[in-house]
Amino acid sequence: MNEPMRKPRALKPGSHIGVVGPASPVDPAELMNGKFGLESKGYRVTLGESCTKAYGYLAATDDIRAADMNGMFDDDGVDAIFCMRGGYGSMRLLDKLDYGAAARHPKPLLGFSDITALHIAYGKYSGLVTFHGPMPVGVFKAGGLTPVEQDSFDRAIKRAEPAGEIPSAFPLFTMREGVAEGMLVGGNLSLIAGLLGTPYELDTAGRILFLEDVGEKSYSIDRMLTQLRLAGKLDSCAGIVLGDYSDCGGSMRGHNLPLSQIFRDILSPCGKPTLGGYSIGHCDNNVTIPLGVRARLDTGAKSLTILENAVVD
């Protein structure tokens, strides 16, 4: 979008968080642990109907899940929307969502993995800045966020100032040196590839593209990155940032290429500054990053820096 992105209000003590289930279901005990974890931080929490109406491998039917998303955005009493978990199902909602409601009532939307579909769609059709980060189930529980998770969460979503340099609990590696500035976009590679050819595909032109994934074979990662390359998404972006690739890799009938070689084969020829190794995604110390704000990538200095505030007071 050419218009300025819509920035939600910062999360404050006592903020009212609506938890929704746009993707897969969860164990009720895990859900209540997540709710307790959020409440222990001083937030008021409402669970949407989609959190407790499992429909096979989906948290609820499409209509219930879409209604939850639309209702939470339209409700002025809800300050932020946290997705309870990823899994699968968010793509099924994209043509059922009220993007006007999100534009009229901008509020923080938090999640990752399958929630990438929502980040892309709300960014494109609502102009909404959203947040790629830890979700209630499995994280906001007794014990809570790790120090690096808490710090990045606070800087991204609770303070009306640029989050600054993004931390990582893992060593960073430079694949292609250079400096780039642009809007930070992206998320889960599988979802980004799956949206190609639809009205919801990700616009990467002049932007810093972030990619992560989990549980994919080496050849699958190869195929999806090649798909992005053939679609022009890698040539048009300003720079590339790689997050975590937990449980990825493995052979195809005894033959294999390591992920590092796949990244070099496909990403390096694009000539874009590329930095990898961030603890963002399906990993411990999952760092929160804002999507839809300007960032600066300096691969020589091994830094990704958020240059503008993602929330307002």
C-alpha atoms as a PDB file:
ATOM      1  CA  MET A   1       0.000   0.000   0.000  1.00  0.00           C
ATOM      2  CA  ASN A   2       1.189   3.541  -0.753  1.00  0.00           C
ATOM      3  CA  GLU A   3      -0.745   5.107   2.107  1.00  0.00           C
ATOM      4  CA  PRO A   4       0.827   5.263   5.589  1.00  0.00           C
ATOM      5  CA  MET A   5       0.274   2.102   7.607  1.00  0.00           C
ATOM      6  CA  ARG A   6      -2.224   2.219  10.459  1.00  0.00           C
ATOM      7  CA  LYS A   7      -0.554   1.865  13.835  1.00  0.00           C
ATOM      8  CA  PRO A   8      -2.505   0.459  16.791  1.00  0.00           C
ATOM      9  CA  ARG A   9      -2.400   1.812  20.325  1.00  0.00           C
ATOM     10  CA  ALA A  10       0.326   0.518  22.587  1.00  0.00           C
ATOM     11  CA  LEU A  11      -0.501  -2.285  24.989  1.00  0.00           C
ATOM     12  CA  LYS A  12      -0.848  -0.942  28.537  1.00  0.00           C
ATOM     13  CA  PRO A  13      -1.268  -2.447  32.025  1.00  0.00           C
ATOM     14  CA  GLY A  14      -4.874  -3.553  32.300  1.00  0.00           C
ATOM     15  CA  SER A  15      -5.405  -3.705  28.522  1.00  0.00           C
ATOM     16  CA  HIS A  16      -8.196  -6.013  27.382  1.00  0.00           C
ATOM     17  CA  ILE A  17      -6.883  -8.825  25.170  1.00  0.00           C
ATOM     18  CA  GLY A  18      -9.182 -10.873  22.984  1.00  0.00           C
ATOM     19  CA  VAL A  19      -7.825 -14.349  22.266  1.00  0.00           C
ATOM     20  CA  VAL A  20      -8.976 -15.946  19.009  1.00  0.00           C
ATOM     21  CA  GLY A  21      -8.415 -19.282  17.274  1.00  0.00           C
ATOM     22  CA  PRO A  22      -8.010 -18.627  13.530  1.00  0.00           C
ATOM     23  CA  ALA A  23      -6.043 -21.827  12.911  1.00  0.00           C
ATOM     24  CA  SER A  24      -5.802 -25.171  14.775  1.00  0.00           C
ATOM     25  CA  PRO A  25      -7.397 -26.268  18.070  1.00  0.00           C
ATOM     26  CA  VAL A  26      -5.579 -26.681  21.376  1.00  0.00           C
ATOM     27  CA  ASP A  27      -5.896 -28.732  24.512  1.00  0.00           C
ATOM     28  CA  PRO A  28      -8.271 -26.881  26.887  1.00  0.00           C
ATOM     29  CA  ALA A  29      -5.759 -27.098  29.734  1.00  0.00           C
ATOM     30  CA  GLU A  30      -3.086 -25.422  27.571  1.00  0.00           C
ATOM     31  CA  LEU A  31      -5.550 -22.713  26.638  1.00  0.00           C
ATOM     32  CA  MET A  32      -6.369 -21.979  30.265  1.00  0.00           C
ATOM     33  CA  ASN A  33      -2.665 -21.926  31.122  1.00  0.00           C
ATOM     34  CA  GLY A  34      -2.186 -19.302  28.417  1.00  0.00           C
ATOM     35  CA  LYS A  35      -5.117 -17.268  29.701  1.00  0.00           C
ATOM     36  CA  PHE A  36      -3.740 -17.440  33.244  1.00  0.00           C
ATOM     37  CA  GLY A  37      -0.320 -16.386  31.981  1.00  0.00           C
ATOM     38  CA  LEU A  38      -1.742 -13.278  30.343  1.00  0.00           C
ATOM     39  CA  GLU A  39      -3.840 -12.429  33.389  1.00  0.00           C
ATOM     40  CA  SER A  40      -0.801 -12.824  35.614  1.00  0.00           C
ATOM     41  CA  LYS A  41       0.768 -10.009  33.570  1.00  0.00           C
ATOM     42  CA  GLY A  42      -2.106  -7.738  34.529  1.00  0.00           C
ATOM     43  CA  TYR A  43      -4.177  -8.003  31.348  1.00  0.00           C
ATOM     44  CA  ARG A  44      -7.898  -8.642  31.146  1.00  0.00           C
ATOM     45  CA  VAL A  45      -8.575 -11.587  28.836  1.00  0.00           C
ATOM     46  CA  THR A  46     -11.614 -12.711  26.857  1.00  0.00           C
ATOM     47  CA  LEU A  47     -11.559 -16.017  24.981  1.00  0.00           C
ATOM     48  CA  GLY A  48     -13.374 -15.990  21.669  1.00  0.00           C
ATOM     49  CA  GLU A  49     -15.869 -18.689  20.733  1.00  0.00           C
ATOM     50  CA  SER A  50     -13.337 -20.008  18.217  1.00  0.00           C
ATOM     51  CA  CYS A  51     -11.034 -21.039  21.068  1.00  0.00           C
ATOM     52  CA  THR A  52     -13.338 -23.781  22.328  1.00  0.00           C
ATOM     53  CA  LYS A  53     -15.267 -25.120  19.292  1.00  0.00           C
ATOM     54  CA  ALA A  54     -12.841 -27.595  17.724  1.00  0.00           C
ATOM     55  CA  TYR A  55     -13.803 -28.695  14.214  1.00  0.00           C
ATOM     56  CA  GLY A  56     -11.429 -31.484  13.230  1.00  0.00           C
ATOM     57  CA  TYR A  57      -7.990 -29.986  12.641  1.00  0.00           C
ATOM     58  CA  LEU A  58      -9.489 -26.481  12.847  1.00  0.00           C
ATOM     59  CA  ALA A  59     -10.152 -24.495  16.017  1.00  0.00           C
ATOM     60  CA  ALA A  60     -13.774 -24.017  14.876  1.00  0.00           C
ATOM     61  CA  THR A  61     -15.773 -23.733  11.671  1.00  0.00           C
ATOM     62  CA  ASP A  62     -14.778 -21.055   9.189  1.00  0.00           C
ATOM     63  CA  ASP A  63     -17.836 -18.946  10.056  1.00  0.00           C
ATOM     64  CA  ILE A  64     -17.124 -19.010  13.792  1.00  0.00           C
ATOM     65  CA  ARG A  65     -13.447 -18.231  13.365  1.00  0.00           C
ATOM     66  CA  ALA A  66     -14.100 -15.394  10.915  1.00  0.00           C
ATOM     67  CA  ALA A  67     -16.839 -13.957  13.118  1.00  0.00           C
ATOM     68  CA  ASP A  68     -14.451 -13.981  16.075  1.00  0.00           C
ATOM     69  CA  MET A  69     -11.807 -12.069  14.140  1.00  0.00           C
ATOM     70  CA  ASN A  70     -14.298  -9.539  12.812  1.00  0.00           C
ATOM     71  CA  GLY A  71     -16.028  -9.117  16.164  1.00  0.00           C
ATOM     72  CA  MET A  72     -12.810  -8.593  18.097  1.00  0.00           C
ATOM     73  CA  PHE A  73     -11.726  -5.862  15.705  1.00  0.00           C
ATOM     74  CA  ASP A  74     -15.146  -4.199  15.743  1.00  0.00           C
ATOM     75  CA  ASP A  75     -15.410  -4.222  19.554  1.00  0.00           C
ATOM     76  CA  ASP A  76     -14.027  -0.968  20.976  1.00  0.00           C
ATOM     77  CA  GLY A  77     -13.750  -2.673  24.356  1.00  0.00           C
ATOM     78  CA  VAL A  78     -11.018  -5.009  23.050  1.00  0.00           C
ATOM     79  CA  ASP A  79      -7.553  -3.426  22.968  1.00  0.00           C
ATOM     80  CA  ALA A  80      -5.533  -6.192  21.287  1.00  0.00           C
ATOM     81  CA  ILE A  81      -6.046  -9.517  19.522  1.00  0.00           C
ATOM     82  CA  PHE A  82      -3.772 -12.463  20.289  1.00  0.00           C
ATOM     83  CA  CYS A  83      -4.033 -15.649  18.221  1.00  0.00           C
ATOM     84  CA  MET A  84      -3.985 -18.671  20.537  1.00  0.00           C
ATOM     85  CA  ARG A  85      -1.805 -20.811  18.217  1.00  0.00           C
ATOM     86  CA  GLY A  86      -0.895 -21.523  14.606  1.00  0.00           C
ATOM     87  CA  GLY A  87      -1.154 -24.869  12.864  1.00  0.00           C
ATOM     88  CA  TYR A  88      -3.495 -24.634   9.883  1.00  0.00           C
ATOM     89  CA  GLY A  89      -6.641 -22.797   8.872  1.00  0.00           C
ATOM     90  CA  SER A  90      -6.001 -19.055   8.659  1.00  0.00           C
ATOM     91  CA  MET A  91      -5.969 -19.041   4.840  1.00  0.00           C
ATOM     92  CA  ARG A  92      -9.554 -20.327   4.818  1.00  0.00           C
ATOM     93  CA  LEU A  93     -10.683 -17.087   6.444  1.00  0.00           C
ATOM     94  CA  LEU A  94      -9.115 -14.498   4.173  1.00  0.00           C
ATOM     95  CA  ASP A  95     -12.148 -13.875   1.963  1.00  0.00           C
ATOM     96  CA  LYS A  96     -14.446 -13.803   5.009  1.00  0.00           C
ATOM     97  CA  LEU A  97     -12.685 -11.073   6.989  1.00  0.00           C
ATOM     98  CA  ASP A  98     -13.927  -7.507   7.455  1.00  0.00           C
ATOM     99  CA  TYR A  99     -10.823  -5.512   6.591  1.00  0.00           C
ATOM    100  CA  GLY A 100     -12.743  -2.290   7.026  1.00  0.00           C
ATOM    101  CA  ALA A 101     -13.314  -3.110  10.699  1.00  0.00           C
ATOM    102  CA  ALA A 102      -9.578  -3.531  11.238  1.00  0.00           C
ATOM    103  CA  ALA A 103      -8.906  -0.235   9.458  1.00  0.00           C
ATOM    104  CA  ARG A 104     -11.515   1.577  11.560  1.00  0.00           C
ATOM    105  CA  HIS A 105     -10.356   0.004  14.823  1.00  0.00           C
ATOM    106  CA  PRO A 106      -6.605  -0.653  14.511  1.00  0.00           C
ATOM    107  CA  LYS A 107      -5.309  -2.756  17.376  1.00  0.00           C
ATOM    108  CA  PRO A 108      -2.306  -5.050  17.893  1.00  0.00           C
ATOM    109  CA  LEU A 109      -2.650  -8.442  16.208  1.00  0.00           C
ATOM    110  CA  LEU A 110      -0.115 -10.963  17.517  1.00  0.00           C
ATOM    111  CA  GLY A 111       0.860 -14.407  16.264  1.00  0.00           C
ATOM    112  CA  PHE A 112       3.194 -16.322  13.951  1.00  0.00           C
ATOM    113  CA  SER A 113       3.418 -19.450  11.808  1.00  0.00           C
ATOM    114  CA  ASP A 114      -0.004 -20.002  10.154  1.00  0.00           C
ATOM    115  CA  ILE A 115      -0.966 -16.514  11.349  1.00  0.00           C
ATOM    116  CA  THR A 116       1.312 -15.211   8.561  1.00  0.00           C
ATOM    117  CA  ALA A 117      -1.739 -15.343   6.293  1.00  0.00           C
ATOM    118  CA  LEU A 118      -3.487 -12.822   8.549  1.00  0.00           C
ATOM    119  CA  HIS A 119      -0.421 -10.584   8.806  1.00  0.00           C
ATOM    120  CA  ILE A 120      -0.227 -10.370   5.028  1.00  0.00           C
ATOM    121  CA  ALA A 121      -3.960  -9.892   4.429  1.00  0.00           C
ATOM    122  CA  TYR A 122      -4.530  -7.285   7.142  1.00  0.00           C
ATOM    123  CA  GLY A 123      -1.371  -5.471   6.072  1.00  0.00           C
ATOM    124  CA  LYS A 124      -2.527  -5.397   2.472  1.00  0.00           C
ATOM    125  CA  TYR A 125      -6.230  -4.632   2.847  1.00  0.00           C
ATOM    126  CA  SER A 126      -6.412  -2.834   6.215  1.00  0.00           C
ATOM    127  CA  GLY A 127      -3.018  -1.141   6.133  1.00  0.00           C
ATOM    128  CA  LEU A 128      -2.471  -2.499   9.637  1.00  0.00           C
ATOM    129  CA  VAL A 129       0.880  -2.861  11.385  1.00  0.00           C
ATOM    130  CA  THR A 130       0.875  -6.325  12.997  1.00  0.00           C
ATOM    131  CA  PHE A 131       3.213  -8.324  15.241  1.00  0.00           C
ATOM    132  CA  HIS A 132       5.019 -11.590  14.529  1.00  0.00           C
ATOM    133  CA  GLY A 133       5.688 -13.120  17.933  1.00  0.00           C
ATOM    134  CA  PRO A 134       4.852 -15.596  20.713  1.00  0.00           C
ATOM    135  CA  MET A 135       1.253 -16.709  21.200  1.00  0.00           C
ATOM    136  CA  PRO A 136      -0.646 -17.490  24.430  1.00  0.00           C
ATOM    137  CA  VAL A 137      -0.597 -21.275  24.177  1.00  0.00           C
ATOM    138  CA  GLY A 138       2.791 -22.606  25.195  1.00  0.00           C
ATOM    139  CA  VAL A 139       4.352 -19.220  25.983  1.00  0.00           C
ATOM    140  CA  PHE A 140       2.202 -16.936  28.146  1.00  0.00           C
ATOM    141  CA  LYS A 141       1.954 -19.555  30.851  1.00  0.00           C
ATOM    142  CA  ALA A 142       3.426 -20.101  34.299  1.00  0.00           C
ATOM    143  CA  GLY A 143       7.031 -19.011  33.879  1.00  0.00           C
ATOM    144  CA  GLY A 144       6.103 -16.695  31.037  1.00  0.00           C
ATOM    145  CA  LEU A 145       8.362 -15.252  28.375  1.00  0.00           C
ATOM    146  CA  THR A 146      12.124 -15.600  28.470  1.00  0.00           C
ATOM    147  CA  PRO A 147      14.067 -12.352  29.063  1.00  0.00           C
ATOM    148  CA  VAL A 148      14.871 -11.887  25.363  1.00  0.00           C
ATOM    149  CA  GLU A 149      11.241 -12.613  24.425  1.00  0.00           C
ATOM    150  CA  GLN A 150       9.904 -10.203  27.036  1.00  0.00           C
ATOM    151  CA  ASP A 151      12.292  -7.423  26.048  1.00  0.00           C
ATOM    152  CA  SER A 152      11.497  -7.650  22.336  1.00  0.00           C
ATOM    153  CA  PHE A 153       7.748  -7.935  23.045  1.00  0.00           C
ATOM    154  CA  ASP A 154       7.817  -4.823  25.240  1.00  0.00           C
ATOM    155  CA  ARG A 155       9.845  -2.783  22.756  1.00  0.00           C
ATOM    156  CA  ALA A 156       7.656  -3.755  19.799  1.00  0.00           C
ATOM    157  CA  ILE A 157       4.140  -3.574  21.203  1.00  0.00           C
ATOM    158  CA  LYS A 158       4.197  -1.580  24.460  1.00  0.00           C
ATOM    159  CA  ARG A 159       6.296   1.479  23.633  1.00  0.00           C
ATOM    160  CA  ALA A 160       5.465   4.214  21.121  1.00  0.00           C
ATOM    161  CA  GLU A 161       9.054   4.448  19.901  1.00  0.00           C
ATOM    162  CA  PRO A 162      11.179   2.488  17.416  1.00  0.00           C
ATOM    163  CA  ALA A 163      12.039  -0.978  18.737  1.00  0.00           C
ATOM    164  CA  GLY A 164      15.641  -0.497  17.616  1.00  0.00           C
ATOM    165  CA  GLU A 165      18.004  -3.364  16.889  1.00  0.00           C
ATOM    166  CA  ILE A 166      16.346  -6.782  16.855  1.00  0.00           C
ATOM    167  CA  PRO A 167      18.091  -9.237  19.207  1.00  0.00           C
ATOM    168  CA  SER A 168      18.769 -12.894  18.547  1.00  0.00           C
ATOM    169  CA  ALA A 169      19.539 -15.748  20.916  1.00  0.00           C
ATOM    170  CA  PHE A 170      21.348 -17.512  18.035  1.00  0.00           C
ATOM    171  CA  PRO A 171      24.547 -16.582  16.147  1.00  0.00           C
ATOM    172  CA  LEU A 172      23.853 -14.541  13.008  1.00  0.00           C
ATOM    173  CA  PHE A 173      25.472 -15.251   9.648  1.00  0.00           C
ATOM    174  CA  THR A 174      25.917 -13.008   6.632  1.00  0.00           C
ATOM    175  CA  MET A 175      25.153 -14.590   3.274  1.00  0.00           C
ATOM    176  CA  ARG A 176      25.387 -11.466   1.140  1.00  0.00           C
ATOM    177  CA  GLU A 177      26.868  -8.192   2.330  1.00  0.00           C
ATOM    178  CA  GLY A 178      25.056  -4.927   1.907  1.00  0.00           C
ATOM    179  CA  VAL A 179      22.693  -2.402   3.443  1.00  0.00           C
ATOM    180  CA  ALA A 180      18.990  -2.071   2.721  1.00  0.00           C
ATOM    181  CA  GLU A 181      16.096  -0.047   4.062  1.00  0.00           C
ATOM    182  CA  GLY A 182      12.408  -0.714   3.579  1.00  0.00           C
ATOM    183  CA  MET A 183       9.215  -1.922   5.173  1.00  0.00           C
ATOM    184  CA  LEU A 184       9.679  -5.204   7.059  1.00  0.00           C
ATOM    185  CA  VAL A 185       7.288  -7.891   5.779  1.00  0.00           C
ATOM    186  CA  GLY A 186       7.047 -11.673   5.703  1.00  0.00           C
ATOM    187  CA  GLY A 187       6.697 -14.572   8.085  1.00  0.00           C
ATOM    188  CA  ASN A 188       6.262 -18.279   7.457  1.00  0.00           C
ATOM    189  CA  LEU A 189       7.695 -19.419   4.120  1.00  0.00           C
ATOM    190  CA  SER A 190       4.999 -22.064   3.536  1.00  0.00           C
ATOM    191  CA  LEU A 191       2.203 -19.523   3.938  1.00  0.00           C
ATOM    192  CA  ILE A 192       3.925 -16.917   1.776  1.00  0.00           C
ATOM    193  CA  ALA A 193       4.400 -19.475  -1.012  1.00  0.00           C
ATOM    194  CA  GLY A 194       0.842 -20.749  -0.568  1.00  0.00           C
ATOM    195  CA  LEU A 195      -0.615 -17.280  -1.133  1.00  0.00           C
ATOM    196  CA  LEU A 196       1.153 -16.704  -4.456  1.00  0.00           C
ATOM    197  CA  GLY A 197      -1.329 -16.292  -7.287  1.00  0.00           C
ATOM    198  CA  THR A 198      -4.121 -15.198  -4.941  1.00  0.00           C
ATOM    199  CA  PRO A 199      -5.384 -11.671  -4.179  1.00  0.00           C
ATOM    200  CA  TYR A 200      -3.554 -11.972  -0.843  1.00  0.00           C
ATOM    201  CA  GLU A 201      -0.032 -12.648  -2.080  1.00  0.00           C
ATOM    202  CA  LEU A 202       2.758 -10.721  -0.395  1.00  0.00           C
ATOM    203  CA  ASP A 203       4.111  -7.571  -2.005  1.00  0.00           C
ATOM    204  CA  THR A 204       7.899  -7.591  -1.556  1.00  0.00           C
ATOM    205  CA  ALA A 205       8.833  -4.674  -3.854  1.00  0.00           C
ATOM    206  CA  GLY A 206      11.415  -2.500  -2.111  1.00  0.00           C
ATOM    207  CA  ARG A 207      10.800  -4.281   1.188  1.00  0.00           C
ATOM    208  CA  ILE A 208      12.880  -6.312   3.605  1.00  0.00           C
ATOM    209  CA  LEU A 209      11.604  -9.877   3.405  1.00  0.00           C
ATOM    210  CA  PHE A 210      11.654 -12.054   6.528  1.00  0.00           C
ATOM    211  CA  LEU A 211      11.286 -15.846   6.179  1.00  0.00           C
ATOM    212  CA  GLU A 212      11.055 -18.730   8.677  1.00  0.00           C
ATOM    213  CA  ASP A 213       9.591 -22.239   8.743  1.00  0.00           C
ATOM    214  CA  VAL A 214       9.307 -25.485  10.706  1.00  0.00           C
ATOM    215  CA  GLY A 215       9.207 -29.202   9.964  1.00  0.00           C
ATOM    216  CA  GLU A 216       9.903 -28.982   6.217  1.00  0.00           C
ATOM    217  CA  LYS A 217      12.212 -31.257   4.242  1.00  0.00           C
ATOM    218  CA  SER A 218      15.178 -29.732   2.437  1.00  0.00           C
ATOM    219  CA  TYR A 219      13.618 -30.206  -0.999  1.00  0.00           C
ATOM    220  CA  SER A 220      10.422 -28.555   0.206  1.00  0.00           C
ATOM    221  CA  ILE A 221      12.322 -25.477   1.395  1.00  0.00           C
ATOM    222  CA  ASP A 222      14.122 -25.522  -1.973  1.00  0.00           C
ATOM    223  CA  ARG A 223      10.824 -25.705  -3.876  1.00  0.00           C
ATOM    224  CA  MET A 224       9.187 -22.853  -1.960  1.00  0.00           C
ATOM    225  CA  LEU A 225      12.188 -20.537  -2.236  1.00  0.00           C
ATOM    226  CA  THR A 226      12.398 -21.352  -5.949  1.00  0.00           C
ATOM    227  CA  GLN A 227       8.696 -20.556  -6.238  1.00  0.00           C
ATOM    228  CA  LEU A 228       9.315 -17.133  -4.675  1.00  0.00           C
ATOM    229  CA  ARG A 229      12.251 -16.579  -7.032  1.00  0.00           C
ATOM    230  CA  LEU A 230      10.257 -17.512 -10.143  1.00  0.00           C
ATOM    231  CA  ALA A 231       7.417 -15.247  -8.964  1.00  0.00           C
ATOM    232  CA  GLY A 232       9.842 -12.319  -8.816  1.00  0.00           C
ATOM    233  CA  LYS A 233       9.520 -11.892  -5.064  1.00  0.00           C
ATOM    234  CA  LEU A 234      13.248 -12.232  -4.386  1.00  0.00           C
ATOM    235  CA  ASP A 235      14.346  -9.971  -7.233  1.00  0.00           C
ATOM    236  CA  SER A 236      11.985  -7.190  -6.165  1.00  0.00           C
ATOM    237  CA  CYS A 237      12.775  -7.147  -2.433  1.00  0.00           C
ATOM    238  CA  ALA A 238      15.394  -4.845  -0.903  1.00  0.00           C
ATOM    239  CA  GLY A 239      16.908  -7.409   1.458  1.00  0.00           C
ATOM    240  CA  ILE A 240      16.310 -10.800   3.054  1.00  0.00           C
ATOM    241  CA  VAL A 241      16.272 -11.879   6.702  1.00  0.00           C
ATOM    242  CA  LEU A 242      16.146 -15.552   7.711  1.00  0.00           C
ATOM    243  CA  GLY A 243      14.664 -16.662  11.003  1.00  0.00           C
ATOM    244  CA  ASP A 244      14.608 -20.108  12.566  1.00  0.00           C
ATOM    245  CA  TYR A 245      14.125 -23.315  10.570  1.00  0.00           C
ATOM    246  CA  SER A 246      13.384 -25.747  13.395  1.00  0.00           C
ATOM    247  CA  ASP A 247      13.188 -29.419  12.477  1.00  0.00           C
ATOM    248  CA  CYS A 248      13.831 -28.627   8.813  1.00  0.00           C
ATOM    249  CA  GLY A 249      16.085 -30.582   6.485  1.00  0.00           C
ATOM    250  CA  GLY A 250      16.468 -34.248   5.685  1.00  0.00           C
ATOM    251  CA  SER A 251      17.009 -36.335   2.600  1.00  0.00           C
ATOM    252  CA  MET A 252      14.881 -37.288  -0.374  1.00  0.00           C
ATOM    253  CA  ARG A 253      15.408 -41.008  -1.034  1.00  0.00           C
ATOM    254  CA  GLY A 254      18.835 -40.804   0.557  1.00  0.00           C
ATOM    255  CA  HIS A 255      19.923 -37.674  -1.306  1.00  0.00           C
ATOM    256  CA  ASN A 256      20.181 -34.335   0.426  1.00  0.00           C
ATOM    257  CA  LEU A 257      21.383 -30.754   0.313  1.00  0.00           C
ATOM    258  CA  PRO A 258      21.934 -28.912   3.591  1.00  0.00           C
ATOM    259  CA  LEU A 259      19.761 -25.854   4.151  1.00  0.00           C
ATOM    260  CA  SER A 260      22.819 -23.606   4.115  1.00  0.00           C
ATOM    261  CA  GLN A 261      23.607 -24.735   0.567  1.00  0.00           C
ATOM    262  CA  ILE A 262      19.994 -24.296  -0.542  1.00  0.00           C
ATOM    263  CA  PHE A 263      20.011 -20.741   0.793  1.00  0.00           C
ATOM    264  CA  ARG A 264      23.254 -20.007  -1.050  1.00  0.00           C
ATOM    265  CA  ASP A 265      22.041 -21.588  -4.296  1.00  0.00           C
ATOM    266  CA  ILE A 266      18.746 -19.706  -4.418  1.00  0.00           C
ATOM    267  CA  LEU A 267      19.137 -16.515  -2.397  1.00  0.00           C
ATOM    268  CA  SER A 268      22.714 -15.406  -3.090  1.00  0.00           C
ATOM    269  CA  PRO A 269      22.300 -15.010  -6.890  1.00  0.00           C
ATOM    270  CA  CYS A 270      19.498 -12.508  -6.252  1.00  0.00           C
ATOM    271  CA  GLY A 271      22.164 -10.089  -5.069  1.00  0.00           C
ATOM    272  CA  LYS A 272      20.196  -8.836  -2.070  1.00  0.00           C
ATOM    273  CA  PRO A 273      21.742  -8.191   1.355  1.00  0.00           C
ATOM    274  CA  THR A 274      20.928 -11.376   3.262  1.00  0.00           C
ATOM    275  CA  LEU A 275      21.318 -12.076   6.972  1.00  0.00           C
ATOM    276  CA  GLY A 276      20.331 -15.331   8.680  1.00  0.00           C
ATOM    277  CA  GLY A 277      20.147 -17.029  12.058  1.00  0.00           C
ATOM    278  CA  TYR A 278      17.562 -14.967  13.941  1.00  0.00           C
ATOM    279  CA  SER A 279      15.692 -16.659  16.795  1.00  0.00           C
ATOM    280  CA  ILE A 280      12.368 -15.690  15.269  1.00  0.00           C
ATOM    281  CA  GLY A 281       9.822 -18.417  14.665  1.00  0.00           C
ATOM    282  CA  HIS A 282       9.375 -21.953  16.010  1.00  0.00           C
ATOM    283  CA  CYS A 283      12.135 -21.814  18.583  1.00  0.00           C
ATOM    284  CA  ASP A 284      13.002 -20.906  22.139  1.00  0.00           C
ATOM    285  CA  ASN A 285      13.552 -17.173  22.620  1.00  0.00           C
ATOM    286  CA  ASN A 286      11.115 -16.368  19.812  1.00  0.00           C
ATOM    287  CA  VAL A 287      11.650 -12.643  19.270  1.00  0.00           C
ATOM    288  CA  THR A 288       8.719 -10.330  18.510  1.00  0.00           C
ATOM    289  CA  ILE A 289       9.047  -8.163  15.393  1.00  0.00           C
ATOM    290  CA  PRO A 290       6.616  -5.582  13.998  1.00  0.00           C
ATOM    291  CA  LEU A 291       5.519  -6.076  10.393  1.00  0.00           C
ATOM    292  CA  GLY A 292       4.649  -3.056   8.269  1.00  0.00           C
ATOM    293  CA  VAL A 293       7.198  -0.598   9.660  1.00  0.00           C
ATOM    294  CA  ARG A 294      10.432   0.680   8.179  1.00  0.00           C
ATOM    295  CA  ALA A 295      13.622  -1.204   9.039  1.00  0.00           C
ATOM    296  CA  ARG A 296      17.307  -1.102   8.170  1.00  0.00           C
ATOM    297  CA  LEU A 297      19.292  -4.240   7.365  1.00  0.00           C
ATOM    298  CA  ASP A 298      23.091  -4.062   7.583  1.00  0.00           C
ATOM    299  CA  THR A 299      24.526  -7.497   6.948  1.00  0.00           C
ATOM    300  CA  GLY A 300      28.125  -6.381   7.464  1.00  0.00           C
ATOM    301  CA  ALA A 301      27.245  -5.227  10.963  1.00  0.00           C
ATOM    302  CA  LYS A 302      24.888  -8.219  11.345  1.00  0.00           C
ATOM    303  CA  SER A 303      22.002  -6.022  12.385  1.00  0.00           C
ATOM    304  CA  LEU A 304      18.317  -5.561  11.663  1.00  0.00           C
ATOM    305  CA  THR A 305      17.042  -2.310  13.163  1.00  0.00           C
ATOM    306  CA  ILE A 306      13.449  -1.096  13.390  1.00  0.00           C
ATOM    307  CA  LEU A 307      13.470   2.589  12.443  1.00  0.00           C
ATOM    308  CA  GLU A 308       9.922   3.663  13.303  1.00  0.00           C
ATOM    309  CA  ASN A 309       7.442   3.082  16.070  1.00  0.00           C
ATOM    310  CA  ALA A 310       4.920   0.291  15.504  1.00  0.00           C
ATOM    311  CA  VAL A 311       2.366   1.574  18.036  1.00  0.00           C
ATOM    312  CA  VAL A 312       1.098   4.959  19.201  1.00  0.00           C
ATOM    313  CA  ASP A 313       0.127   6.225  22.663  1.00  0.00           C
END
